[in-house]
Amino acid sequence: MNRLKAVLAEQNKTNKWLAEKLKKNETTISRWCTNETQPSVTNLVAIAKLLGVDVKELLKTTIK
């Protein structure tokens, strides 16, 4: 599971903005944000670079 929706909101960025930057369809970004599907590791790294965050910030922890 990812935190993409939360991180985008924290930075006042939109799905449309991310779609344009990654040259992806807005539907794809929306599916990532709702955790319907997950971005590849390559895409996660690209997203982290665009947002200026560590990839770990885009992922939900599995440790409780």
C-alpha atoms as a PDB file:
ATOM      1  CA  MET A   1       0.000   0.000   0.000  1.00  0.00           C
ATOM      2  CA  ASN A   2       1.167   3.502  -0.699  1.00  0.00           C
ATOM      3  CA  ARG A   3       0.691   6.998   0.738  1.00  0.00           C
ATOM      4  CA  LEU A   4       0.750   8.770  -2.590  1.00  0.00           C
ATOM      5  CA  LYS A   5      -2.588  10.522  -2.110  1.00  0.00           C
ATOM      6  CA  ALA A   6      -1.529  11.848   1.302  1.00  0.00           C
ATOM      7  CA  VAL A   7       1.883  13.038   0.128  1.00  0.00           C
ATOM      8  CA  LEU A   8       0.372  14.818  -2.883  1.00  0.00           C
ATOM      9  CA  ALA A   9      -2.122  16.539  -0.573  1.00  0.00           C
ATOM     10  CA  GLU A  10       0.624  17.549   1.876  1.00  0.00           C
ATOM     11  CA  GLN A  11       2.445  19.247  -1.001  1.00  0.00           C
ATOM     12  CA  ASN A  12      -0.692  20.765  -2.568  1.00  0.00           C
ATOM     13  CA  LYS A  13      -0.104  18.770  -5.757  1.00  0.00           C
ATOM     14  CA  THR A  14      -2.799  17.131  -7.856  1.00  0.00           C
ATOM     15  CA  ASN A  15      -3.153  13.840  -9.689  1.00  0.00           C
ATOM     16  CA  LYS A  16      -3.220  15.867 -12.904  1.00  0.00           C
ATOM     17  CA  TRP A  17       0.107  17.508 -12.044  1.00  0.00           C
ATOM     18  CA  LEU A  18       1.717  14.124 -11.373  1.00  0.00           C
ATOM     19  CA  ALA A  19       0.226  12.608 -14.522  1.00  0.00           C
ATOM     20  CA  GLU A  20       1.679  15.413 -16.619  1.00  0.00           C
ATOM     21  CA  LYS A  21       5.114  15.135 -15.013  1.00  0.00           C
ATOM     22  CA  LEU A  22       5.252  11.350 -15.448  1.00  0.00           C
ATOM     23  CA  LYS A  23       3.532  11.386 -18.854  1.00  0.00           C
ATOM     24  CA  LYS A  24       0.903   8.976 -17.524  1.00  0.00           C
ATOM     25  CA  ASN A  25      -2.865   8.900 -17.803  1.00  0.00           C
ATOM     26  CA  GLU A  26      -4.731  10.603 -14.941  1.00  0.00           C
ATOM     27  CA  THR A  27      -6.709   7.382 -14.456  1.00  0.00           C
ATOM     28  CA  THR A  28      -3.485   5.517 -13.744  1.00  0.00           C
ATOM     29  CA  ILE A  29      -2.492   8.077 -11.110  1.00  0.00           C
ATOM     30  CA  SER A  30      -5.964   7.916  -9.582  1.00  0.00           C
ATOM     31  CA  ARG A  31      -5.747   4.129  -9.319  1.00  0.00           C
ATOM     32  CA  TRP A  32      -2.378   4.464  -7.587  1.00  0.00           C
ATOM     33  CA  CYS A  33      -3.779   7.067  -5.172  1.00  0.00           C
ATOM     34  CA  THR A  34      -6.701   4.840  -4.193  1.00  0.00           C
ATOM     35  CA  ASN A  35      -4.423   1.791  -3.888  1.00  0.00           C
ATOM     36  CA  GLU A  36      -6.459  -0.019  -6.532  1.00  0.00           C
ATOM     37  CA  THR A  37      -3.127  -0.713  -8.228  1.00  0.00           C
ATOM     38  CA  GLN A  38       0.439   0.027  -7.225  1.00  0.00           C
ATOM     39  CA  PRO A  39       3.114   1.916  -9.142  1.00  0.00           C
ATOM     40  CA  SER A  40       6.233   0.000 -10.103  1.00  0.00           C
ATOM     41  CA  VAL A  41       9.401   0.554  -8.111  1.00  0.00           C
ATOM     42  CA  THR A  42      10.740   2.575 -11.045  1.00  0.00           C
ATOM     43  CA  ASN A  43       7.673   4.822 -10.929  1.00  0.00           C
ATOM     44  CA  LEU A  44       7.885   5.142  -7.137  1.00  0.00           C
ATOM     45  CA  VAL A  45      11.476   6.363  -7.456  1.00  0.00           C
ATOM     46  CA  ALA A  46      10.443   8.868 -10.138  1.00  0.00           C
ATOM     47  CA  ILE A  47       7.540  10.098  -7.979  1.00  0.00           C
ATOM     48  CA  ALA A  48       9.805  10.475  -4.943  1.00  0.00           C
ATOM     49  CA  LYS A  49      12.250  12.565  -7.005  1.00  0.00           C
ATOM     50  CA  LEU A  50       9.465  14.806  -8.314  1.00  0.00           C
ATOM     51  CA  LEU A  51       8.094  15.332  -4.809  1.00  0.00           C
ATOM     52  CA  GLY A  52      11.506  15.687  -3.160  1.00  0.00           C
ATOM     53  CA  VAL A  53      10.873  12.904  -0.663  1.00  0.00           C
ATOM     54  CA  ASP A  54      12.445   9.588   0.229  1.00  0.00           C
ATOM     55  CA  VAL A  55      10.720   6.611  -1.385  1.00  0.00           C
ATOM     56  CA  LYS A  56       9.991   5.312   2.135  1.00  0.00           C
ATOM     57  CA  GLU A  57       7.666   8.281   2.678  1.00  0.00           C
ATOM     58  CA  LEU A  58       5.474   7.005  -0.147  1.00  0.00           C
ATOM     59  CA  LEU A  59       4.952   3.610   1.466  1.00  0.00           C
ATOM     60  CA  LYS A  60       2.829   2.579   4.417  1.00  0.00           C
ATOM     61  CA  THR A  61       4.771   0.753   7.079  1.00  0.00           C
ATOM     62  CA  THR A  62       4.114  -2.932   7.571  1.00  0.00           C
ATOM     63  CA  ILE A  63       5.521  -2.896  11.109  1.00  0.00           C
ATOM     64  CA  LYS A  64       3.061  -2.333  13.912  1.00  0.00           C
END
